[in-house]
C-alpha atoms as a PDB file:
ATOM      1  CA  MET A   1     127.623-102.728  88.781  1.00  0.00           C
ATOM      2  CA  LEU A   2     127.504 -99.494  90.748  1.00  0.00           C
ATOM      3  CA  LYS A   3     124.367 -99.159  92.862  1.00  0.00           C
ATOM      4  CA  GLU A   4     122.059 -96.163  92.512  1.00  0.00           C
ATOM      5  CA  SER A   5     122.916 -93.242  94.770  1.00  0.00           C
ATOM      6  CA  ARG A   6     120.527 -91.942  97.428  1.00  0.00           C
ATOM      7  CA  ILE A   7     121.291 -88.266  97.513  1.00  0.00           C
ATOM      8  CA  HIS A   8     119.912 -85.434  99.623  1.00  0.00           C
ATOM      9  CA  LEU A   9     120.639 -81.819  98.725  1.00  0.00           C
ATOM     10  CA  LYS A  10     120.103 -78.538 100.531  1.00  0.00           C
ATOM     11  CA  SER A  11     120.816 -75.021  99.336  1.00  0.00           C
ATOM     12  CA  ASP A  12     119.610 -71.446  99.588  1.00  0.00           C
ATOM     13  CA  LYS A  13     119.165 -71.385  95.779  1.00  0.00           C
ATOM     14  CA  LYS A  14     116.706 -73.592  93.907  1.00  0.00           C
ATOM     15  CA  GLU A  15     118.790 -73.482  90.737  1.00  0.00           C
ATOM     16  CA  ALA A  16     121.793 -74.749  92.690  1.00  0.00           C
ATOM     17  CA  ILE A  17     119.983 -77.997  93.468  1.00  0.00           C
ATOM     18  CA  ALA A  18     119.033 -78.498  89.830  1.00  0.00           C
ATOM     19  CA  GLU A  19     122.630 -77.858  88.764  1.00  0.00           C
ATOM     20  CA  ALA A  20     123.969 -80.298  91.349  1.00  0.00           C
ATOM     21  CA  LEU A  21     121.586 -83.058  90.286  1.00  0.00           C
ATOM     22  CA  LYS A  22     122.589 -82.611  86.648  1.00  0.00           C
ATOM     23  CA  ASP A  23     126.292 -82.691  87.501  1.00  0.00           C
ATOM     24  CA  ILE A  24     126.005 -85.717  89.784  1.00  0.00           C
ATOM     25  CA  LYS A  25     124.150 -87.674  87.087  1.00  0.00           C
ATOM     26  CA  ASN A  26     126.829 -86.794  84.523  1.00  0.00           C
ATOM     27  CA  HIS A  27     129.707 -87.736  86.817  1.00  0.00           C
ATOM     28  CA  ARG A  28     128.020 -90.985  87.794  1.00  0.00           C
ATOM     29  CA  LYS A  29     127.506 -91.798  84.105  1.00  0.00           C
ATOM     30  CA  ASN A  30     131.202 -91.114  83.456  1.00  0.00           C
ATOM     31  CA  LEU A  31     132.168 -93.383  86.346  1.00  0.00           C
ATOM     32  CA  VAL A  32     129.954 -96.249  85.157  1.00  0.00           C
ATOM     33  CA  GLY A  33     131.404 -95.903  81.668  1.00  0.00           C
ATOM     34  CA  TYR A  34     134.943 -96.000  83.010  1.00  0.00           C
ATOM     35  CA  ILE A  35     134.230 -99.080  85.120  1.00  0.00           C
ATOM     36  CA  LYS A  36     132.838-100.927  82.100  1.00  0.00           C
ATOM     37  CA  LYS A  37     136.176-100.418  80.358  1.00  0.00           C
ATOM     38  CA  HIS A  38     138.283-100.868  83.502  1.00  0.00           C
ATOM     39  CA  PRO A  39     136.470-103.321  85.840  1.00  0.00           C
ATOM     40  CA  GLU A  40     139.536-103.585  88.038  1.00  0.00           C
ATOM     41  CA  PHE A  41     138.760-100.053  89.263  1.00  0.00           C
ATOM     42  CA  GLN A  42     135.578-101.301  90.942  1.00  0.00           C
ATOM     43  CA  HIS A  43     137.079-104.372  92.585  1.00  0.00           C
ATOM     44  CA  ALA A  44     140.485-103.104  93.755  1.00  0.00           C
ATOM     45  CA  LEU A  45     140.986-103.125  97.533  1.00  0.00           C
ATOM     46  CA  LYS A  46     144.225-101.151  97.262  1.00  0.00           C
ATOM     47  CA  PRO A  47     145.064 -97.858  95.503  1.00  0.00           C
ATOM     48  CA  ILE A  48     145.095 -98.089  91.730  1.00  0.00           C
ATOM     49  CA  THR A  49     146.732 -95.844  89.122  1.00  0.00           C
ATOM     50  CA  VAL A  50     144.437 -94.241  86.555  1.00  0.00           C
ATOM     51  CA  PRO A  51     145.396 -92.578  83.262  1.00  0.00           C
ATOM     52  CA  PRO A  52     145.447 -88.757  83.068  1.00  0.00           C
ATOM     53  CA  GLU A  53     142.523 -88.789  80.629  1.00  0.00           C
ATOM     54  CA  ALA A  54     140.262 -90.604  83.124  1.00  0.00           C
ATOM     55  CA  PRO A  55     137.063 -88.741  84.121  1.00  0.00           C
ATOM     56  CA  GLU A  56     137.239 -86.176  86.905  1.00  0.00           C
ATOM     57  CA  ILE A  57     135.410 -88.370  89.401  1.00  0.00           C
ATOM     58  CA  VAL A  58     137.748 -91.287  88.717  1.00  0.00           C
ATOM     59  CA  GLN A  59     140.779 -89.044  89.258  1.00  0.00           C
ATOM     60  CA  SER A  60     139.358 -87.728  92.527  1.00  0.00           C
ATOM     61  CA  MET A  61     138.523 -91.187  93.870  1.00  0.00           C
ATOM     62  CA  ALA A  62     141.920 -92.595  92.924  1.00  0.00           C
ATOM     63  CA  GLU A  63     143.791 -89.665  94.478  1.00  0.00           C
ATOM     64  CA  ASP A  64     142.002 -89.787  97.827  1.00  0.00           C
ATOM     65  CA  ALA A  65     142.038 -93.588  97.981  1.00  0.00           C
ATOM     66  CA  LYS A  66     145.804 -93.436  97.533  1.00  0.00           C
ATOM     67  CA  LYS A  67     146.129 -91.118 100.553  1.00  0.00           C
ATOM     68  CA  ALA A  68     144.094 -93.535 102.672  1.00  0.00           C
ATOM     69  CA  GLU A  69     145.668 -96.673 101.140  1.00  0.00           C
ATOM     70  CA  VAL A  70     142.332 -98.256 100.181  1.00  0.00           C
ATOM     71  CA  GLY A  71     140.575 -99.168  96.946  1.00  0.00           C
ATOM     72  CA  PRO A  72     139.061 -96.260  94.995  1.00  0.00           C
ATOM     73  CA  MET A  73     135.437 -97.350  95.397  1.00  0.00           C
ATOM     74  CA  ALA A  74     135.798 -96.507  99.101  1.00  0.00           C
ATOM     75  CA  ALA A  75     135.600 -92.867  98.014  1.00  0.00           C
ATOM     76  CA  VAL A  76     132.703 -93.017  95.537  1.00  0.00           C
ATOM     77  CA  ALA A  77     129.887 -91.571  97.658  1.00  0.00           C
ATOM     78  CA  GLY A  78     132.065 -88.792  99.005  1.00  0.00           C
ATOM     79  CA  ALA A  79     133.379 -87.938  95.549  1.00  0.00           C
ATOM     80  CA  LEU A  80     129.861 -87.560  94.163  1.00  0.00           C
ATOM     81  CA  ALA A  81     128.947 -85.365  97.141  1.00  0.00           C
ATOM     82  CA  ASP A  82     131.996 -83.136  96.547  1.00  0.00           C
ATOM     83  CA  LEU A  83     131.181 -82.683  92.875  1.00  0.00           C
ATOM     84  CA  GLY A  84     127.556 -81.900  93.644  1.00  0.00           C
ATOM     85  CA  MET A  85     128.591 -79.286  96.206  1.00  0.00           C
ATOM     86  CA  LYS A  86     130.988 -77.663  93.738  1.00  0.00           C
ATOM     87  CA  ALA A  87     128.186 -77.455  91.176  1.00  0.00           C
ATOM     88  CA  MET A  88     126.012 -75.661  93.725  1.00  0.00           C
ATOM     89  CA  LEU A  89     128.759 -73.176  94.546  1.00  0.00           C
ATOM     90  CA  ARG A  90     129.189 -72.326  90.856  1.00  0.00           C
ATOM     91  CA  THR A  91     125.648 -70.926  90.882  1.00  0.00           C
ATOM     92  CA  GLY A  92     126.549 -68.526  93.685  1.00  0.00           C
ATOM     93  CA  ALA A  93     124.921 -70.531  96.466  1.00  0.00           C
ATOM     94  CA  LYS A  94     125.921 -69.650 100.029  1.00  0.00           C
ATOM     95  CA  ILE A  95     124.601 -72.949 101.404  1.00  0.00           C
ATOM     96  CA  ALA A  96     125.632 -76.092  99.525  1.00  0.00           C
ATOM     97  CA  ILE A  97     125.076 -79.414 101.269  1.00  0.00           C
ATOM     98  CA  VAL A  98     125.132 -82.786  99.531  1.00  0.00           C
ATOM     99  CA  GLU A  99     124.639 -86.065 101.390  1.00  0.00           C
ATOM    100  CA  ASP A 100     125.200 -89.314  99.525  1.00  0.00           C
ATOM    101  CA  GLY A 101     124.612 -92.454 101.567  1.00  0.00           C
ATOM    102  CA  GLY A 102     125.718 -90.735 104.775  1.00  0.00           C
ATOM    103  CA  GLU A 103     128.803 -89.057 103.296  1.00  0.00           C
ATOM    104  CA  ILE A 104     128.464 -85.268 103.350  1.00  0.00           C
ATOM    105  CA  ALA A 105     130.087 -82.367 101.502  1.00  0.00           C
ATOM    106  CA  VAL A 106     129.193 -79.022 103.021  1.00  0.00           C
ATOM    107  CA  THR A 107     129.736 -75.319 102.580  1.00  0.00           C
ATOM    108  CA  THR A 108     127.517 -73.057 104.648  1.00  0.00           C
ATOM    109  CA  ASP A 109     127.340 -69.430 105.723  1.00  0.00           C
ATOM    110  CA  ARG A 110     125.313 -70.276 108.844  1.00  0.00           C
ATOM    111  CA  PRO A 111     125.653 -72.972 111.531  1.00  0.00           C
ATOM    112  CA  ILE A 112     124.223 -76.411 110.718  1.00  0.00           C
ATOM    113  CA  THR A 113     124.114 -79.601 112.772  1.00  0.00           C
ATOM    114  CA  VAL A 114     125.183 -82.971 111.412  1.00  0.00           C
ATOM    115  CA  ALA A 115     124.180 -85.895 113.623  1.00  0.00           C
ATOM    116  CA  VAL A 116     126.764 -88.575 114.344  1.00  0.00           C
ATOM    117  CA  LEU A 117     125.270 -92.002 113.608  1.00  0.00           C
ATOM    118  CA  SER A 118     126.672 -95.247 114.951  1.00  0.00           C
ATOM    119  CA  SER A 119     125.774 -98.913 115.232  1.00  0.00           C
ATOM    120  CA  TYR A 120     126.164 -98.410 118.988  1.00  0.00           C
ATOM    121  CA  PRO A 121     122.638 -97.359 120.098  1.00  0.00           C
ATOM    122  CA  GLY A 122     123.828 -95.543 123.205  1.00  0.00           C
ATOM    123  CA  LEU A 123     125.458 -92.861 121.067  1.00  0.00           C
ATOM    124  CA  SER A 124     123.804 -92.899 117.641  1.00  0.00           C
ATOM    125  CA  GLY A 125     121.950 -89.671 116.884  1.00  0.00           C
ATOM    126  CA  LYS A 126     122.618 -88.273 120.358  1.00  0.00           C
ATOM    127  CA  ILE A 127     125.589 -86.069 119.512  1.00  0.00           C
ATOM    128  CA  GLY A 128     126.193 -83.873 116.517  1.00  0.00           C
ATOM    129  CA  LEU A 129     128.752 -81.676 114.807  1.00  0.00           C
ATOM    130  CA  CYS A 130     127.925 -77.968 114.706  1.00  0.00           C
ATOM    131  CA  ILE A 131     129.473 -76.889 111.397  1.00  0.00           C
ATOM    132  CA  THR A 132     130.030 -73.170 110.850  1.00  0.00           C
ATOM    133  CA  LYS A 133     131.222 -70.985 107.975  1.00  0.00           C
ATOM    134  CA  GLU A 134     134.735 -71.063 109.437  1.00  0.00           C
ATOM    135  CA  ASP A 135     134.829 -74.879 109.195  1.00  0.00           C
ATOM    136  CA  CYS A 136     133.992 -74.963 105.488  1.00  0.00           C
ATOM    137  CA  PRO A 137     134.373 -76.421 102.964  1.00  0.00           C
ATOM    138  CA  LEU A 138     134.247 -79.705 104.799  1.00  0.00           C
ATOM    139  CA  GLY A 139     133.723 -83.413 104.231  1.00  0.00           C
ATOM    140  CA  VAL A 140     132.122 -85.731 106.791  1.00  0.00           C
ATOM    141  CA  ALA A 141     131.942 -89.505 106.342  1.00  0.00           C
ATOM    142  CA  THR A 142     131.057 -92.449 108.562  1.00  0.00           C
ATOM    143  CA  SER A 143     131.971 -96.109 108.176  1.00  0.00           C
ATOM    144  CA  SER A 144     130.847 -99.043 110.325  1.00  0.00           C
ATOM    145  CA  SER A 145     131.897-102.670 110.446  1.00  0.00           C
ATOM    146  CA  LYS A 146     128.519-103.609 111.940  1.00  0.00           C
ATOM    147  CA  THR A 147     126.355-102.943 108.882  1.00  0.00           C
ATOM    148  CA  GLY A 148     125.936-105.476 106.099  1.00  0.00           C
ATOM    149  CA  ARG A 149     126.073-102.984 103.238  1.00  0.00           C
ATOM    150  CA  VAL A 150     129.805-102.260 103.477  1.00  0.00           C
ATOM    151  CA  LEU A 151     132.973-104.325 103.245  1.00  0.00           C
ATOM    152  CA  SER A 152     134.961-103.880 106.444  1.00  0.00           C
ATOM    153  CA  PHE A 153     137.778-105.805 108.101  1.00  0.00           C
ATOM    154  CA  GLY A 154     137.434-104.098 111.474  1.00  0.00           C
ATOM    155  CA  LYS A 155     135.142-104.159 114.495  1.00  0.00           C
ATOM    156  CA  ALA A 156     134.192-100.494 115.008  1.00  0.00           C
ATOM    157  CA  ASP A 157     130.585 -99.539 115.606  1.00  0.00           C
ATOM    158  CA  SER A 158     131.383 -96.346 113.734  1.00  0.00           C
ATOM    159  CA  VAL A 159     134.241 -94.215 112.502  1.00  0.00           C
ATOM    160  CA  THR A 160     133.304 -90.645 111.619  1.00  0.00           C
ATOM    161  CA  VAL A 161     136.022 -88.744 109.766  1.00  0.00           C
ATOM    162  CA  ILE A 162     136.241 -84.999 109.182  1.00  0.00           C
ATOM    163  CA  ALA A 163     138.424 -84.019 106.222  1.00  0.00           C
ATOM    164  CA  ALA A 164     139.116 -81.309 103.698  1.00  0.00           C
ATOM    165  CA  ASN A 165     136.654 -82.960 101.316  1.00  0.00           C
ATOM    166  CA  ALA A 166     134.074 -85.745 101.412  1.00  0.00           C
ATOM    167  CA  SER A 167     135.958 -88.038  99.032  1.00  0.00           C
ATOM    168  CA  LEU A 168     138.958 -88.145 101.352  1.00  0.00           C
ATOM    169  CA  ALA A 169     136.728 -88.444 104.437  1.00  0.00           C
ATOM    170  CA  ASP A 170     134.958 -91.396 102.812  1.00  0.00           C
ATOM    171  CA  ALA A 171     138.170 -93.234 101.928  1.00  0.00           C
ATOM    172  CA  ALA A 172     139.756 -92.458 105.295  1.00  0.00           C
ATOM    173  CA  ALA A 173     136.702 -93.662 107.238  1.00  0.00           C
ATOM    174  CA  THR A 174     137.014 -97.024 105.491  1.00  0.00           C
ATOM    175  CA  ALA A 175     140.747 -97.245 106.203  1.00  0.00           C
ATOM    176  CA  VAL A 176     140.401 -96.320 109.863  1.00  0.00           C
ATOM    177  CA  CYS A 177     137.408 -98.609 110.371  1.00  0.00           C
ATOM    178  CA  ASN A 178     139.467-101.510 109.002  1.00  0.00           C
ATOM    179  CA  SER A 179     142.211-100.760 111.528  1.00  0.00           C
ATOM    180  CA  VAL A 180     139.925-100.859 114.577  1.00  0.00           C
ATOM    181  CA  ALA A 181     140.352-104.610 115.079  1.00  0.00           C
ATOM    182  CA  GLY A 182     141.376-107.106 117.752  1.00  0.00           C
ATOM    183  CA  GLU A 183     139.801-108.203 121.009  1.00  0.00           C
ATOM    184  CA  ASN A 184     141.102-105.337 123.161  1.00  0.00           C
ATOM    185  CA  VAL A 185     138.654-102.500 122.542  1.00  0.00           C
ATOM    186  CA  GLY A 186     140.802 -99.689 123.956  1.00  0.00           C
ATOM    187  CA  VAL A 187     143.889-100.778 122.043  1.00  0.00           C
ATOM    188  CA  SER A 188     141.910-101.081 118.803  1.00  0.00           C
ATOM    189  CA  ILE A 189     140.541 -97.550 119.186  1.00  0.00           C
ATOM    190  CA  GLN A 190     144.038 -96.191 119.807  1.00  0.00           C
ATOM    191  CA  ARG A 191     145.219 -98.027 116.690  1.00  0.00           C
ATOM    192  CA  GLY A 192     142.448 -96.308 114.746  1.00  0.00           C
ATOM    193  CA  LEU A 193     143.457 -92.890 116.070  1.00  0.00           C
ATOM    194  CA  GLU A 194     147.063 -93.474 115.013  1.00  0.00           C
ATOM    195  CA  ARG A 195     145.913 -94.641 111.587  1.00  0.00           C
ATOM    196  CA  THR A 196     143.892 -91.444 111.214  1.00  0.00           C
ATOM    197  CA  LYS A 197     146.856 -89.228 112.036  1.00  0.00           C
ATOM    198  CA  ALA A 198     148.850 -90.814 109.187  1.00  0.00           C
ATOM    199  CA  ILE A 199     146.361 -89.780 106.473  1.00  0.00           C
ATOM    200  CA  ASP A 200     147.224 -86.411 104.928  1.00  0.00           C
ATOM    201  CA  GLY A 201     144.265 -84.041 104.735  1.00  0.00           C
ATOM    202  CA  VAL A 202     142.202 -85.632 107.515  1.00  0.00           C
ATOM    203  CA  LEU A 203     141.248 -83.090 110.172  1.00  0.00           C
ATOM    204  CA  GLY A 204     139.709 -85.244 112.881  1.00  0.00           C
ATOM    205  CA  VAL A 205     137.929 -88.471 113.816  1.00  0.00           C
ATOM    206  CA  ILE A 206     135.377 -89.957 116.215  1.00  0.00           C
ATOM    207  CA  ILE A 207     135.735 -93.710 116.801  1.00  0.00           C
ATOM    208  CA  VAL A 208     133.084 -95.721 118.639  1.00  0.00           C
ATOM    209  CA  ARG A 209     133.369 -99.358 119.644  1.00  0.00           C
ATOM    210  CA  GLU A 210     131.308-101.197 122.253  1.00  0.00           C
ATOM    211  CA  GLY A 211     130.537 -98.085 124.268  1.00  0.00           C
ATOM    212  CA  GLN A 212     134.076 -96.698 124.229  1.00  0.00           C
ATOM    213  CA  THR A 213     134.954 -93.590 122.227  1.00  0.00           C
ATOM    214  CA  GLY A 214     138.146 -92.098 120.861  1.00  0.00           C
ATOM    215  CA  LEU A 215     138.528 -88.576 119.451  1.00  0.00           C
ATOM    216  CA  TRP A 216     141.396 -86.881 117.679  1.00  0.00           C
ATOM    217  CA  GLY A 217     142.073 -83.740 115.725  1.00  0.00           C
ATOM    218  CA  LYS A 218     140.301 -80.505 114.921  1.00  0.00           C
ATOM    219  CA  LEU A 219     136.607 -81.340 115.076  1.00  0.00           C
ATOM    220  CA  PRO A 220     133.702 -78.947 114.635  1.00  0.00           C
ATOM    221  CA  LYS A 221     131.982 -78.162 117.950  1.00  0.00           C
ATOM    222  CA  LEU A 222     130.336 -81.266 119.412  1.00  0.00           C
ATOM    223  CA  ILE A 223     126.792 -80.728 120.674  1.00  0.00           C
ATOM    224  CA  SER A 224     124.138 -82.834 122.362  1.00  0.00           C
ATOM    225  CA  ILE A 225     121.070 -83.712 120.314  1.00  0.00           C
ATOM    226  CA  LYS A 226     117.851 -84.231 122.248  1.00  0.00           C
END
């Protein structure tokens, strides 16, 4: 069954955090209930059609997974982050940041830095995205084929996707990570960049494999982290 979420929240309003936690718990409960009735939703590795009466989180996951051509569970962490951020914004919060397992939904009225993590130690935590009010709302998600906790068919050390929302970023990161495959590192990175460009709603990507990096799209300002 669905594993427990590890969620971090940040806001300028205390009540916004309480509202987000309540909403995330409710949406997660709805998702678990749906999966019990429709177990195929959890195990599908390709997009799956859901009925119009399905819970909001199920609809969101299915929609963004379809854009990325992956199974809906590839979007679960990002979808929960999106819904938590929306709950914060309903309280009037100006800063609403939700991180669920490394997938981030963010709206902010002041610059924040999000570190780029990778299985490649020469880069991980050494560069970051400076996200401003003009960038928001934004979703940031990272997938890696080098960690044991995710199912991946590729060989990327990391794929960090920037998208219009975290659910789409999450699904797209999985799709692009799967495409970074083959023995030729440079060719595999280029394949990943082309795969990214084909996903509607994705704004940009950072691909890292064996010390080589590929970038595409409209990324927030990249900064060095010391």
